[in-house]
Amino acid sequence: MAKRTNFSSKRVAILKTIRDTDCHPGARWVYNQLKEQYPDLSLGTVYRNIALFKKEGIVSTVATINGEERIDGNTVPHSHFVCRECGSIYDLYNTELTAAESALSRNGFTIECKSVTYYGKCSKCS
């Protein structure tokens, strides 16, 4: 029998909040968005659910900025740019294979997952 994950209303709200933003939030940001709607929600509950979502592959970690893990609810393959100045994270979509990926493919390797993150200053901070 397949294991069934129980999605409580809080868990659904946490996941929806993560998926409905492109700011790549941290747990505190998610908590602050939901605490008025769910007064008994704890920051620990948000952290535990994010850990569960990561384990299930429905969110991923993008970067750690100022000690806070930032996550992405968009599981479509894409890269990121992280501004070292303001901490903003931007999605980058490029479907072209890199030279390294092409070489791996030509030599019989199968790429199942990749993570590319660029760091620098965004156009607002440059």
PDB file of N, CA and C in Angstrom:
ATOM      1  N   MET A   1       0.845  -1.179   0.000  1.00  0.00           N
ATOM      2  CA  MET A   1       0.000   0.000   0.000  1.00  0.00           C
ATOM      3  C   MET A   1       0.888   1.240   0.000  1.00  0.00           C
ATOM      4  N   ALA A   2       0.589   2.190  -0.861  1.00  0.00           N
ATOM      5  CA  ALA A   2       1.380   3.412  -0.968  1.00  0.00           C
ATOM      6  C   ALA A   2       1.169   4.294   0.254  1.00  0.00           C
ATOM      7  N   LYS A   3       2.247   4.934   0.654  1.00  0.00           N
ATOM      8  CA  LYS A   3       2.175   5.852   1.797  1.00  0.00           C
ATOM      9  C   LYS A   3       1.427   7.109   1.368  1.00  0.00           C
ATOM     10  N   ARG A   4       0.480   7.529   2.173  1.00  0.00           N
ATOM     11  CA  ARG A   4      -0.315   8.713   1.867  1.00  0.00           C
ATOM     12  C   ARG A   4       0.157   9.863   2.739  1.00  0.00           C
ATOM     13  N   THR A   5       0.449  10.987   2.118  1.00  0.00           N
ATOM     14  CA  THR A   5       0.846  12.163   2.867  1.00  0.00           C
ATOM     15  C   THR A   5      -0.403  12.928   3.270  1.00  0.00           C
ATOM     16  N   ASN A   6      -0.519  13.248   4.540  1.00  0.00           N
ATOM     17  CA  ASN A   6      -1.666  13.988   5.035  1.00  0.00           C
ATOM     18  C   ASN A   6      -1.403  15.480   4.875  1.00  0.00           C
ATOM     19  N   PHE A   7      -2.190  16.122   4.060  1.00  0.00           N
ATOM     20  CA  PHE A   7      -2.031  17.555   3.842  1.00  0.00           C
ATOM     21  C   PHE A   7      -3.079  18.312   4.654  1.00  0.00           C
ATOM     22  N   SER A   8      -2.663  18.861   5.791  1.00  0.00           N
ATOM     23  CA  SER A   8      -3.548  19.673   6.606  1.00  0.00           C
ATOM     24  C   SER A   8      -3.767  21.018   5.917  1.00  0.00           C
ATOM     25  N   SER A   9      -4.729  21.779   6.411  1.00  0.00           N
ATOM     26  CA  SER A   9      -5.003  23.089   5.810  1.00  0.00           C
ATOM     27  C   SER A   9      -3.785  24.015   5.932  1.00  0.00           C
ATOM     28  N   LYS A  10      -3.047  23.901   7.035  1.00  0.00           N
ATOM     29  CA  LYS A  10      -1.839  24.720   7.197  1.00  0.00           C
ATOM     30  C   LYS A  10      -0.780  24.305   6.182  1.00  0.00           C
ATOM     31  N   ARG A  11      -0.603  23.001   6.011  1.00  0.00           N
ATOM     32  CA  ARG A  11       0.392  22.503   5.063  1.00  0.00           C
ATOM     33  C   ARG A  11       0.052  22.966   3.646  1.00  0.00           C
ATOM     34  N   VAL A  12      -1.218  22.889   3.296  1.00  0.00           N
ATOM     35  CA  VAL A  12      -1.661  23.345   1.977  1.00  0.00           C
ATOM     36  C   VAL A  12      -1.387  24.841   1.824  1.00  0.00           C
ATOM     37  N   ALA A  13      -1.674  25.617   2.872  1.00  0.00           N
ATOM     38  CA  ALA A  13      -1.457  27.066   2.829  1.00  0.00           C
ATOM     39  C   ALA A  13       0.028  27.395   2.710  1.00  0.00           C
ATOM     40  N   ILE A  14       0.877  26.661   3.404  1.00  0.00           N
ATOM     41  CA  ILE A  14       2.324  26.897   3.327  1.00  0.00           C
ATOM     42  C   ILE A  14       2.816  26.640   1.908  1.00  0.00           C
ATOM     43  N   LEU A  15       2.421  25.504   1.335  1.00  0.00           N
ATOM     44  CA  LEU A  15       2.847  25.183  -0.024  1.00  0.00           C
ATOM     45  C   LEU A  15       2.300  26.187  -1.034  1.00  0.00           C
ATOM     46  N   LYS A  16       1.041  26.570  -0.891  1.00  0.00           N
ATOM     47  CA  LYS A  16       0.443  27.547  -1.809  1.00  0.00           C
ATOM     48  C   LYS A  16       1.173  28.889  -1.726  1.00  0.00           C
ATOM     49  N   THR A  17       1.518  29.303  -0.527  1.00  0.00           N
ATOM     50  CA  THR A  17       2.233  30.565  -0.342  1.00  0.00           C
ATOM     51  C   THR A  17       3.595  30.516  -1.033  1.00  0.00           C
ATOM     52  N   ILE A  18       4.284  29.406  -0.910  1.00  0.00           N
ATOM     53  CA  ILE A  18       5.587  29.253  -1.558  1.00  0.00           C
ATOM     54  C   ILE A  18       5.431  29.261  -3.073  1.00  0.00           C
ATOM     55  N   ARG A  19       4.441  28.529  -3.571  1.00  0.00           N
ATOM     56  CA  ARG A  19       4.260  28.415  -5.027  1.00  0.00           C
ATOM     57  C   ARG A  19       3.708  29.691  -5.664  1.00  0.00           C
ATOM     58  N   ASP A  20       2.997  30.494  -4.887  1.00  0.00           N
ATOM     59  CA  ASP A  20       2.359  31.694  -5.438  1.00  0.00           C
ATOM     60  C   ASP A  20       3.257  32.919  -5.459  1.00  0.00           C
ATOM     61  N   THR A  21       4.522  32.772  -5.101  1.00  0.00           N
ATOM     62  CA  THR A  21       5.432  33.913  -5.138  1.00  0.00           C
ATOM     63  C   THR A  21       6.660  33.560  -5.949  1.00  0.00           C
ATOM     64  N   ASP A  22       7.281  34.578  -6.513  1.00  0.00           N
ATOM     65  CA  ASP A  22       8.544  34.346  -7.222  1.00  0.00           C
ATOM     66  C   ASP A  22       9.708  35.007  -6.490  1.00  0.00           C
ATOM     67  N   CYS A  23       9.497  35.345  -5.209  1.00  0.00           N
ATOM     68  CA  CYS A  23      10.554  36.013  -4.435  1.00  0.00           C
ATOM     69  C   CYS A  23      11.524  35.028  -3.785  1.00  0.00           C
ATOM     70  N   HIS A  24      11.294  33.723  -3.954  1.00  0.00           N
ATOM     71  CA  HIS A  24      12.165  32.708  -3.361  1.00  0.00           C
ATOM     72  C   HIS A  24      12.273  32.938  -1.855  1.00  0.00           C
ATOM     73  N   PRO A  25      11.174  32.703  -1.155  1.00  0.00           N
ATOM     74  CA  PRO A  25      11.095  33.079   0.258  1.00  0.00           C
ATOM     75  C   PRO A  25      11.888  32.182   1.192  1.00  0.00           C
ATOM     76  N   GLY A  26      12.086  32.703   2.382  1.00  0.00           N
ATOM     77  CA  GLY A  26      12.600  31.917   3.492  1.00  0.00           C
ATOM     78  C   GLY A  26      11.417  31.538   4.372  1.00  0.00           C
ATOM     79  N   ALA A  27      11.661  30.688   5.347  1.00  0.00           N
ATOM     80  CA  ALA A  27      10.587  30.221   6.228  1.00  0.00           C
ATOM     81  C   ALA A  27       9.938  31.376   6.989  1.00  0.00           C
ATOM     82  N   ARG A  28      10.733  32.342   7.427  1.00  0.00           N
ATOM     83  CA  ARG A  28      10.168  33.480   8.172  1.00  0.00           C
ATOM     84  C   ARG A  28       9.199  34.296   7.309  1.00  0.00           C
ATOM     85  N   TRP A  29       9.550  34.472   6.041  1.00  0.00           N
ATOM     86  CA  TRP A  29       8.667  35.211   5.141  1.00  0.00           C
ATOM     87  C   TRP A  29       7.339  34.473   4.993  1.00  0.00           C
ATOM     88  N   VAL A  30       7.402  33.150   4.795  1.00  0.00           N
ATOM     89  CA  VAL A  30       6.182  32.331   4.667  1.00  0.00           C
ATOM     90  C   VAL A  30       5.358  32.445   5.946  1.00  0.00           C
ATOM     91  N   TYR A  31       6.020  32.310   7.082  1.00  0.00           N
ATOM     92  CA  TYR A  31       5.348  32.422   8.377  1.00  0.00           C
ATOM     93  C   TYR A  31       4.642  33.777   8.516  1.00  0.00           C
ATOM     94  N   ASN A  32       5.334  34.858   8.181  1.00  0.00           N
ATOM     95  CA  ASN A  32       4.746  36.192   8.293  1.00  0.00           C
ATOM     96  C   ASN A  32       3.549  36.383   7.365  1.00  0.00           C
ATOM     97  N   GLN A  33       3.554  35.721   6.211  1.00  0.00           N
ATOM     98  CA  GLN A  33       2.425  35.819   5.289  1.00  0.00           C
ATOM     99  C   GLN A  33       1.181  35.118   5.835  1.00  0.00           C
ATOM    100  N   LEU A  34       1.387  34.084   6.646  1.00  0.00           N
ATOM    101  CA  LEU A  34       0.277  33.229   7.084  1.00  0.00           C
ATOM    102  C   LEU A  34      -0.160  33.414   8.536  1.00  0.00           C
ATOM    103  N   LYS A  35       0.636  34.115   9.349  1.00  0.00           N
ATOM    104  CA  LYS A  35       0.356  34.147  10.789  1.00  0.00           C
ATOM    105  C   LYS A  35      -0.976  34.816  11.127  1.00  0.00           C
ATOM    106  N   GLU A  36      -1.430  35.770  10.323  1.00  0.00           N
ATOM    107  CA  GLU A  36      -2.726  36.410  10.607  1.00  0.00           C
ATOM    108  C   GLU A  36      -3.876  35.446  10.314  1.00  0.00           C
ATOM    109  N   GLN A  37      -3.751  34.702   9.242  1.00  0.00           N
ATOM    110  CA  GLN A  37      -4.787  33.743   8.851  1.00  0.00           C
ATOM    111  C   GLN A  37      -4.783  32.509   9.765  1.00  0.00           C
ATOM    112  N   TYR A  38      -3.608  32.131  10.240  1.00  0.00           N
ATOM    113  CA  TYR A  38      -3.451  30.965  11.111  1.00  0.00           C
ATOM    114  C   TYR A  38      -2.714  31.396  12.381  1.00  0.00           C
ATOM    115  N   PRO A  39      -3.414  31.989  13.358  1.00  0.00           N
ATOM    116  CA  PRO A  39      -2.750  32.523  14.551  1.00  0.00           C
ATOM    117  C   PRO A  39      -1.977  31.479  15.357  1.00  0.00           C
ATOM    118  N   ASP A  40      -2.374  30.207  15.254  1.00  0.00           N
ATOM    119  CA  ASP A  40      -1.671  29.168  16.009  1.00  0.00           C
ATOM    120  C   ASP A  40      -0.530  28.528  15.211  1.00  0.00           C
ATOM    121  N   LEU A  41      -0.228  29.049  14.045  1.00  0.00           N
ATOM    122  CA  LEU A  41       0.882  28.557  13.235  1.00  0.00           C
ATOM    123  C   LEU A  41       2.200  28.933  13.897  1.00  0.00           C
ATOM    124  N   SER A  42       3.118  27.980  13.968  1.00  0.00           N
ATOM    125  CA  SER A  42       4.430  28.277  14.534  1.00  0.00           C
ATOM    126  C   SER A  42       5.474  28.287  13.422  1.00  0.00           C
ATOM    127  N   LEU A  43       6.559  28.987  13.683  1.00  0.00           N
ATOM    128  CA  LEU A  43       7.669  29.007  12.731  1.00  0.00           C
ATOM    129  C   LEU A  43       8.230  27.597  12.569  1.00  0.00           C
ATOM    130  N   GLY A  44       8.241  26.829  13.633  1.00  0.00           N
ATOM    131  CA  GLY A  44       8.702  25.441  13.573  1.00  0.00           C
ATOM    132  C   GLY A  44       7.874  24.602  12.615  1.00  0.00           C
ATOM    133  N   THR A  45       6.567  24.834  12.601  1.00  0.00           N
ATOM    134  CA  THR A  45       5.681  24.118  11.674  1.00  0.00           C
ATOM    135  C   THR A  45       6.043  24.454  10.237  1.00  0.00           C
ATOM    136  N   VAL A  46       6.337  25.712   9.975  1.00  0.00           N
ATOM    137  CA  VAL A  46       6.730  26.120   8.624  1.00  0.00           C
ATOM    138  C   VAL A  46       8.036  25.430   8.236  1.00  0.00           C
ATOM    139  N   TYR A  47       9.024  25.448   9.125  1.00  0.00           N
ATOM    140  CA  TYR A  47      10.302  24.784   8.842  1.00  0.00           C
ATOM    141  C   TYR A  47      10.121  23.285   8.579  1.00  0.00           C
ATOM    142  N   ARG A  48       9.324  22.627   9.421  1.00  0.00           N
ATOM    143  CA  ARG A  48       9.107  21.184   9.254  1.00  0.00           C
ATOM    144  C   ARG A  48       8.428  20.873   7.921  1.00  0.00           C
ATOM    145  N   ASN A  49       7.457  21.690   7.533  1.00  0.00           N
ATOM    146  CA  ASN A  49       6.766  21.453   6.270  1.00  0.00           C
ATOM    147  C   ASN A  49       7.673  21.717   5.083  1.00  0.00           C
ATOM    148  N   ILE A  50       8.497  22.748   5.166  1.00  0.00           N
ATOM    149  CA  ILE A  50       9.455  23.011   4.086  1.00  0.00           C
ATOM    150  C   ILE A  50      10.411  21.833   3.947  1.00  0.00           C
ATOM    151  N   ALA A  51      10.870  21.287   5.067  1.00  0.00           N
ATOM    152  CA  ALA A  51      11.760  20.115   5.017  1.00  0.00           C
ATOM    153  C   ALA A  51      11.054  18.933   4.354  1.00  0.00           C
ATOM    154  N   LEU A  52       9.792  18.731   4.665  1.00  0.00           N
ATOM    155  CA  LEU A  52       9.007  17.664   4.049  1.00  0.00           C
ATOM    156  C   LEU A  52       8.854  17.910   2.550  1.00  0.00           C
ATOM    157  N   PHE A  53       8.536  19.143   2.169  1.00  0.00           N
ATOM    158  CA  PHE A  53       8.375  19.472   0.745  1.00  0.00           C
ATOM    159  C   PHE A  53       9.679  19.242  -0.015  1.00  0.00           C
ATOM    160  N   LYS A  54      10.805  19.599   0.595  1.00  0.00           N
ATOM    161  CA  LYS A  54      12.114  19.367  -0.049  1.00  0.00           C
ATOM    162  C   LYS A  54      12.349  17.874  -0.229  1.00  0.00           C
ATOM    163  N   LYS A  55      12.059  17.100   0.795  1.00  0.00           N
ATOM    164  CA  LYS A  55      12.242  15.650   0.731  1.00  0.00           C
ATOM    165  C   LYS A  55      11.385  15.039  -0.379  1.00  0.00           C
ATOM    166  N   GLU A  56      10.181  15.569  -0.554  1.00  0.00           N
ATOM    167  CA  GLU A  56       9.266  15.065  -1.580  1.00  0.00           C
ATOM    168  C   GLU A  56       9.570  15.641  -2.959  1.00  0.00           C
ATOM    169  N   GLY A  57      10.483  16.609  -3.035  1.00  0.00           N
ATOM    170  CA  GLY A  57      10.870  17.184  -4.317  1.00  0.00           C
ATOM    171  C   GLY A  57       9.890  18.186  -4.889  1.00  0.00           C
ATOM    172  N   ILE A  58       9.027  18.756  -4.039  1.00  0.00           N
ATOM    173  CA  ILE A  58       8.055  19.725  -4.547  1.00  0.00           C
ATOM    174  C   ILE A  58       8.486  21.173  -4.310  1.00  0.00           C
ATOM    175  N   VAL A  59       9.570  21.368  -3.572  1.00  0.00           N
ATOM    176  CA  VAL A  59      10.262  22.654  -3.479  1.00  0.00           C
ATOM    177  C   VAL A  59      11.752  22.348  -3.442  1.00  0.00           C
ATOM    178  N   SER A  60      12.565  23.358  -3.716  1.00  0.00           N
ATOM    179  CA  SER A  60      14.007  23.158  -3.660  1.00  0.00           C
ATOM    180  C   SER A  60      14.675  24.367  -3.009  1.00  0.00           C
ATOM    181  N   THR A  61      15.863  24.124  -2.487  1.00  0.00           N
ATOM    182  CA  THR A  61      16.661  25.201  -1.918  1.00  0.00           C
ATOM    183  C   THR A  61      17.395  25.902  -3.043  1.00  0.00           C
ATOM    184  N   VAL A  62      17.360  27.232  -3.036  1.00  0.00           N
ATOM    185  CA  VAL A  62      18.072  28.011  -4.049  1.00  0.00           C
ATOM    186  C   VAL A  62      19.408  28.488  -3.502  1.00  0.00           C
ATOM    187  N   ALA A  63      19.380  29.096  -2.332  1.00  0.00           N
ATOM    188  CA  ALA A  63      20.587  29.672  -1.744  1.00  0.00           C
ATOM    189  C   ALA A  63      20.335  29.926  -0.266  1.00  0.00           C
ATOM    190  N   THR A  64      21.410  30.197   0.444  1.00  0.00           N
ATOM    191  CA  THR A  64      21.309  30.655   1.823  1.00  0.00           C
ATOM    192  C   THR A  64      21.820  32.085   1.842  1.00  0.00           C
ATOM    193  N   ILE A  65      20.950  33.002   2.244  1.00  0.00           N
ATOM    194  CA  ILE A  65      21.284  34.426   2.246  1.00  0.00           C
ATOM    195  C   ILE A  65      21.119  34.957   3.663  1.00  0.00           C
ATOM    196  N   ASN A  66      22.175  35.548   4.185  1.00  0.00           N
ATOM    197  CA  ASN A  66      22.190  36.063   5.557  1.00  0.00           C
ATOM    198  C   ASN A  66      21.730  35.000   6.550  1.00  0.00           C
ATOM    199  N   GLY A  67      22.188  33.762   6.340  1.00  0.00           N
ATOM    200  CA  GLY A  67      21.876  32.669   7.246  1.00  0.00           C
ATOM    201  C   GLY A  67      20.508  32.048   7.078  1.00  0.00           C
ATOM    202  N   GLU A  68      19.733  32.519   6.108  1.00  0.00           N
ATOM    203  CA  GLU A  68      18.388  31.978   5.911  1.00  0.00           C
ATOM    204  C   GLU A  68      18.294  31.239   4.587  1.00  0.00           C
ATOM    205  N   GLU A  69      17.836  30.000   4.664  1.00  0.00           N
ATOM    206  CA  GLU A  69      17.634  29.201   3.462  1.00  0.00           C
ATOM    207  C   GLU A  69      16.471  29.765   2.655  1.00  0.00           C
ATOM    208  N   ARG A  70      16.696  29.984   1.371  1.00  0.00           N
ATOM    209  CA  ARG A  70      15.654  30.505   0.476  1.00  0.00           C
ATOM    210  C   ARG A  70      15.217  29.382  -0.447  1.00  0.00           C
ATOM    211  N   ILE A  71      13.923  29.284  -0.682  1.00  0.00           N
ATOM    212  CA  ILE A  71      13.376  28.147  -1.403  1.00  0.00           C
ATOM    213  C   ILE A  71      12.596  28.564  -2.640  1.00  0.00           C
ATOM    214  N   ASP A  72      12.376  27.594  -3.502  1.00  0.00           N
ATOM    215  CA  ASP A  72      11.668  27.821  -4.755  1.00  0.00           C
ATOM    216  C   ASP A  72      10.591  26.758  -4.904  1.00  0.00           C
ATOM    217  N   GLY A  73       9.374  27.186  -5.138  1.00  0.00           N
ATOM    218  CA  GLY A  73       8.260  26.264  -5.363  1.00  0.00           C
ATOM    219  C   GLY A  73       8.069  25.935  -6.824  1.00  0.00           C
ATOM    220  N   ASN A  74       8.876  26.522  -7.676  1.00  0.00           N
ATOM    221  CA  ASN A  74       8.802  26.263  -9.110  1.00  0.00           C
ATOM    222  C   ASN A  74       9.779  25.146  -9.440  1.00  0.00           C
ATOM    223  N   THR A  75       9.259  23.970  -9.758  1.00  0.00           N
ATOM    224  CA  THR A  75      10.118  22.815 -10.001  1.00  0.00           C
ATOM    225  C   THR A  75      10.447  22.613 -11.479  1.00  0.00           C
ATOM    226  N   VAL A  76      10.007  23.532 -12.329  1.00  0.00           N
ATOM    227  CA  VAL A  76      10.402  23.481 -13.739  1.00  0.00           C
ATOM    228  C   VAL A  76      11.902  23.770 -13.796  1.00  0.00           C
ATOM    229  N   PRO A  77      12.672  22.982 -14.557  1.00  0.00           N
ATOM    230  CA  PRO A  77      14.127  23.224 -14.590  1.00  0.00           C
ATOM    231  C   PRO A  77      14.477  24.658 -15.002  1.00  0.00           C
ATOM    232  N   HIS A  78      15.253  25.313 -14.158  1.00  0.00           N
ATOM    233  CA  HIS A  78      15.726  26.664 -14.442  1.00  0.00           C
ATOM    234  C   HIS A  78      16.890  26.989 -13.518  1.00  0.00           C
ATOM    235  N   SER A  79      17.600  28.040 -13.869  1.00  0.00           N
ATOM    236  CA  SER A  79      18.744  28.492 -13.082  1.00  0.00           C
ATOM    237  C   SER A  79      18.345  29.727 -12.287  1.00  0.00           C
ATOM    238  N   HIS A  80      19.277  30.217 -11.483  1.00  0.00           N
ATOM    239  CA  HIS A  80      19.007  31.392 -10.654  1.00  0.00           C
ATOM    240  C   HIS A  80      20.180  32.360 -10.682  1.00  0.00           C
ATOM    241  N   PHE A  81      19.859  33.623 -10.431  1.00  0.00           N
ATOM    242  CA  PHE A  81      20.855  34.658 -10.190  1.00  0.00           C
ATOM    243  C   PHE A  81      20.575  35.212  -8.807  1.00  0.00           C
ATOM    244  N   VAL A  82      21.593  35.237  -7.943  1.00  0.00           N
ATOM    245  CA  VAL A  82      21.455  35.756  -6.581  1.00  0.00           C
ATOM    246  C   VAL A  82      22.279  37.026  -6.479  1.00  0.00           C
ATOM    247  N   CYS A  83      21.630  38.122  -6.093  1.00  0.00           N
ATOM    248  CA  CYS A  83      22.337  39.380  -5.901  1.00  0.00           C
ATOM    249  C   CYS A  83      22.993  39.376  -4.520  1.00  0.00           C
ATOM    250  N   ARG A  84      24.299  39.504  -4.498  1.00  0.00           N
ATOM    251  CA  ARG A  84      25.039  39.520  -3.236  1.00  0.00           C
ATOM    252  C   ARG A  84      24.827  40.822  -2.460  1.00  0.00           C
ATOM    253  N   GLU A  85      24.334  41.833  -3.131  1.00  0.00           N
ATOM    254  CA  GLU A  85      24.127  43.141  -2.497  1.00  0.00           C
ATOM    255  C   GLU A  85      22.783  43.193  -1.757  1.00  0.00           C
ATOM    256  N   CYS A  86      21.670  42.941  -2.478  1.00  0.00           N
ATOM    257  CA  CYS A  86      20.336  43.094  -1.882  1.00  0.00           C
ATOM    258  C   CYS A  86      19.672  41.771  -1.518  1.00  0.00           C
ATOM    259  N   GLY A  87      20.243  40.643  -1.964  1.00  0.00           N
ATOM    260  CA  GLY A  87      19.683  39.336  -1.635  1.00  0.00           C
ATOM    261  C   GLY A  87      18.546  38.887  -2.525  1.00  0.00           C
ATOM    262  N   SER A  88      18.215  39.660  -3.551  1.00  0.00           N
ATOM    263  CA  SER A  88      17.155  39.249  -4.471  1.00  0.00           C
ATOM    264  C   SER A  88      17.596  38.032  -5.269  1.00  0.00           C
ATOM    265  N   ILE A  89      16.629  37.199  -5.617  1.00  0.00           N
ATOM    266  CA  ILE A  89      16.892  36.007  -6.428  1.00  0.00           C
ATOM    267  C   ILE A  89      16.003  36.077  -7.658  1.00  0.00           C
ATOM    268  N   TYR A  90      16.611  35.845  -8.803  1.00  0.00           N
ATOM    269  CA  TYR A  90      15.898  35.920 -10.076  1.00  0.00           C
ATOM    270  C   TYR A  90      15.935  34.567 -10.772  1.00  0.00           C
ATOM    271  N   ASP A  91      14.826  34.185 -11.388  1.00  0.00           N
ATOM    272  CA  ASP A  91      14.766  32.967 -12.186  1.00  0.00           C
ATOM    273  C   ASP A  91      15.351  33.230 -13.565  1.00  0.00           C
ATOM    274  N   LEU A  92      16.092  32.253 -14.084  1.00  0.00           N
ATOM    275  CA  LEU A  92      16.670  32.327 -15.426  1.00  0.00           C
ATOM    276  C   LEU A  92      16.251  31.081 -16.187  1.00  0.00           C
ATOM    277  N   TYR A  93      15.632  31.285 -17.336  1.00  0.00           N
ATOM    278  CA  TYR A  93      15.194  30.155 -18.145  1.00  0.00           C
ATOM    279  C   TYR A  93      15.999  30.135 -19.434  1.00  0.00           C
ATOM    280  N   ASN A  94      16.737  29.064 -19.620  1.00  0.00           N
ATOM    281  CA  ASN A  94      17.523  28.893 -20.832  1.00  0.00           C
ATOM    282  C   ASN A  94      17.517  27.406 -21.154  1.00  0.00           C
ATOM    283  N   THR A  95      16.936  27.050 -22.287  1.00  0.00           N
ATOM    284  CA  THR A  95      16.811  25.640 -22.639  1.00  0.00           C
ATOM    285  C   THR A  95      17.997  25.113 -23.432  1.00  0.00           C
ATOM    286  N   GLU A  96      18.927  25.990 -23.802  1.00  0.00           N
ATOM    287  CA  GLU A  96      20.103  25.551 -24.556  1.00  0.00           C
ATOM    288  C   GLU A  96      21.045  24.766 -23.657  1.00  0.00           C
ATOM    289  N   LEU A  97      21.609  23.705 -24.214  1.00  0.00           N
ATOM    290  CA  LEU A  97      22.594  22.922 -23.469  1.00  0.00           C
ATOM    291  C   LEU A  97      23.916  23.673 -23.399  1.00  0.00           C
ATOM    292  N   THR A  98      24.574  23.594 -22.268  1.00  0.00           N
ATOM    293  CA  THR A  98      25.916  24.169 -22.157  1.00  0.00           C
ATOM    294  C   THR A  98      26.891  23.244 -22.866  1.00  0.00           C
ATOM    295  N   ALA A  99      28.097  23.722 -23.096  1.00  0.00           N
ATOM    296  CA  ALA A  99      29.134  22.893 -23.731  1.00  0.00           C
ATOM    297  C   ALA A  99      29.407  21.648 -22.892  1.00  0.00           C
ATOM    298  N   ALA A 100      29.436  21.803 -21.588  1.00  0.00           N
ATOM    299  CA  ALA A 100      29.688  20.654 -20.697  1.00  0.00           C
ATOM    300  C   ALA A 100      28.564  19.628 -20.807  1.00  0.00           C
ATOM    301  N   GLU A 101      27.321  20.102 -20.844  1.00  0.00           N
ATOM    302  CA  GLU A 101      26.183  19.182 -20.957  1.00  0.00           C
ATOM    303  C   GLU A 101      26.203  18.449 -22.293  1.00  0.00           C
ATOM    304  N   SER A 102      26.535  19.162 -23.350  1.00  0.00           N
ATOM    305  CA  SER A 102      26.628  18.534 -24.671  1.00  0.00           C
ATOM    306  C   SER A 102      27.710  17.467 -24.688  1.00  0.00           C
ATOM    307  N   ALA A 103      28.864  17.768 -24.088  1.00  0.00           N
ATOM    308  CA  ALA A 103      29.969  16.806 -24.032  1.00  0.00           C
ATOM    309  C   ALA A 103      29.572  15.576 -23.222  1.00  0.00           C
ATOM    310  N   LEU A 104      28.917  15.784 -22.103  1.00  0.00           N
ATOM    311  CA  LEU A 104      28.466  14.647 -21.289  1.00  0.00           C
ATOM    312  C   LEU A 104      27.504  13.765 -22.084  1.00  0.00           C
ATOM    313  N   SER A 105      26.559  14.398 -22.732  1.00  0.00           N
ATOM    314  CA  SER A 105      25.577  13.666 -23.521  1.00  0.00           C
ATOM    315  C   SER A 105      26.243  12.862 -24.643  1.00  0.00           C
ATOM    316  N   ARG A 106      27.175  13.485 -25.357  1.00  0.00           N
ATOM    317  CA  ARG A 106      27.893  12.806 -26.453  1.00  0.00           C
ATOM    318  C   ARG A 106      28.657  11.584 -25.939  1.00  0.00           C
ATOM    319  N   ASN A 107      29.087  11.625 -24.697  1.00  0.00           N
ATOM    320  CA  ASN A 107      29.874  10.542 -24.126  1.00  0.00           C
ATOM    321  C   ASN A 107      29.029   9.549 -23.327  1.00  0.00           C
ATOM    322  N   GLY A 108      27.719   9.587 -23.529  1.00  0.00           N
ATOM    323  CA  GLY A 108      26.844   8.582 -22.945  1.00  0.00           C
ATOM    324  C   GLY A 108      26.338   8.851 -21.543  1.00  0.00           C
ATOM    325  N   PHE A 109      26.623  10.026 -21.010  1.00  0.00           N
ATOM    326  CA  PHE A 109      26.132  10.356 -19.674  1.00  0.00           C
ATOM    327  C   PHE A 109      24.676  10.810 -19.771  1.00  0.00           C
ATOM    328  N   THR A 110      23.904  10.510 -18.747  1.00  0.00           N
ATOM    329  CA  THR A 110      22.524  10.972 -18.669  1.00  0.00           C
ATOM    330  C   THR A 110      22.413  11.949 -17.509  1.00  0.00           C
ATOM    331  N   ILE A 111      22.049  13.177 -17.801  1.00  0.00           N
ATOM    332  CA  ILE A 111      21.884  14.197 -16.766  1.00  0.00           C
ATOM    333  C   ILE A 111      20.448  14.102 -16.252  1.00  0.00           C
ATOM    334  N   GLU A 112      20.303  13.849 -14.978  1.00  0.00           N
ATOM    335  CA  GLU A 112      18.980  13.731 -14.379  1.00  0.00           C
ATOM    336  C   GLU A 112      18.543  15.019 -13.691  1.00  0.00           C
ATOM    337  N   CYS A 113      19.503  15.795 -13.268  1.00  0.00           N
ATOM    338  CA  CYS A 113      19.190  17.015 -12.539  1.00  0.00           C
ATOM    339  C   CYS A 113      20.391  17.943 -12.637  1.00  0.00           C
ATOM    340  N   LYS A 114      20.127  19.238 -12.660  1.00  0.00           N
ATOM    341  CA  LYS A 114      21.234  20.188 -12.602  1.00  0.00           C
ATOM    342  C   LYS A 114      20.799  21.394 -11.798  1.00  0.00           C
ATOM    343  N   SER A 115      21.773  22.056 -11.217  1.00  0.00           N
ATOM    344  CA  SER A 115      21.513  23.249 -10.433  1.00  0.00           C
ATOM    345  C   SER A 115      22.595  24.264 -10.761  1.00  0.00           C
ATOM    346  N   VAL A 116      22.181  25.360 -11.346  1.00  0.00           N
ATOM    347  CA  VAL A 116      23.123  26.416 -11.698  1.00  0.00           C
ATOM    348  C   VAL A 116      22.651  27.693 -11.013  1.00  0.00           C
ATOM    349  N   THR A 117      23.541  28.285 -10.237  1.00  0.00           N
ATOM    350  CA  THR A 117      23.227  29.539  -9.562  1.00  0.00           C
ATOM    351  C   THR A 117      24.368  30.509  -9.815  1.00  0.00           C
ATOM    352  N   TYR A 118      24.024  31.667 -10.343  1.00  0.00           N
ATOM    353  CA  TYR A 118      24.992  32.724 -10.580  1.00  0.00           C
ATOM    354  C   TYR A 118      24.902  33.714  -9.425  1.00  0.00           C
ATOM    355  N   TYR A 119      26.040  34.287  -9.040  1.00  0.00           N
ATOM    356  CA  TYR A 119      26.089  35.271  -7.969  1.00  0.00           C
ATOM    357  C   TYR A 119      26.741  36.538  -8.489  1.00  0.00           C
ATOM    358  N   GLY A 120      26.248  37.669  -8.054  1.00  0.00           N
ATOM    359  CA  GLY A 120      26.813  38.950  -8.452  1.00  0.00           C
ATOM    360  C   GLY A 120      25.924  40.065  -7.956  1.00  0.00           C
ATOM    361  N   LYS A 121      25.913  41.167  -8.697  1.00  0.00           N
ATOM    362  CA  LYS A 121      25.050  42.302  -8.374  1.00  0.00           C
ATOM    363  C   LYS A 121      23.974  42.431  -9.440  1.00  0.00           C
ATOM    364  N   CYS A 122      22.731  42.590  -8.999  1.00  0.00           N
ATOM    365  CA  CYS A 122      21.616  42.765  -9.936  1.00  0.00           C
ATOM    366  C   CYS A 122      21.685  44.156 -10.562  1.00  0.00           C
ATOM    367  N   SER A 123      20.846  44.394 -11.554  1.00  0.00           N
ATOM    368  CA  SER A 123      20.868  45.681 -12.259  1.00  0.00           C
ATOM    369  C   SER A 123      20.508  46.840 -11.331  1.00  0.00           C
ATOM    370  N   LYS A 124      19.726  46.609 -10.295  1.00  0.00           N
ATOM    371  CA  LYS A 124      19.358  47.665  -9.351  1.00  0.00           C
ATOM    372  C   LYS A 124      20.527  48.055  -8.452  1.00  0.00           C
ATOM    373  N   CYS A 125      21.418  47.091  -8.174  1.00  0.00           N
ATOM    374  CA  CYS A 125      22.532  47.323  -7.244  1.00  0.00           C
ATOM    375  C   CYS A 125      23.842  47.649  -7.947  1.00  0.00           C
ATOM    376  N   SER A 126      23.910  47.435  -9.248  1.00  0.00           N
ATOM    377  CA  SER A 126      25.165  47.692  -9.978  1.00  0.00           C
ATOM    378  C   SER A 126      25.458  49.161 -10.110  1.00  0.00           C
TER     379      SER A 126
END
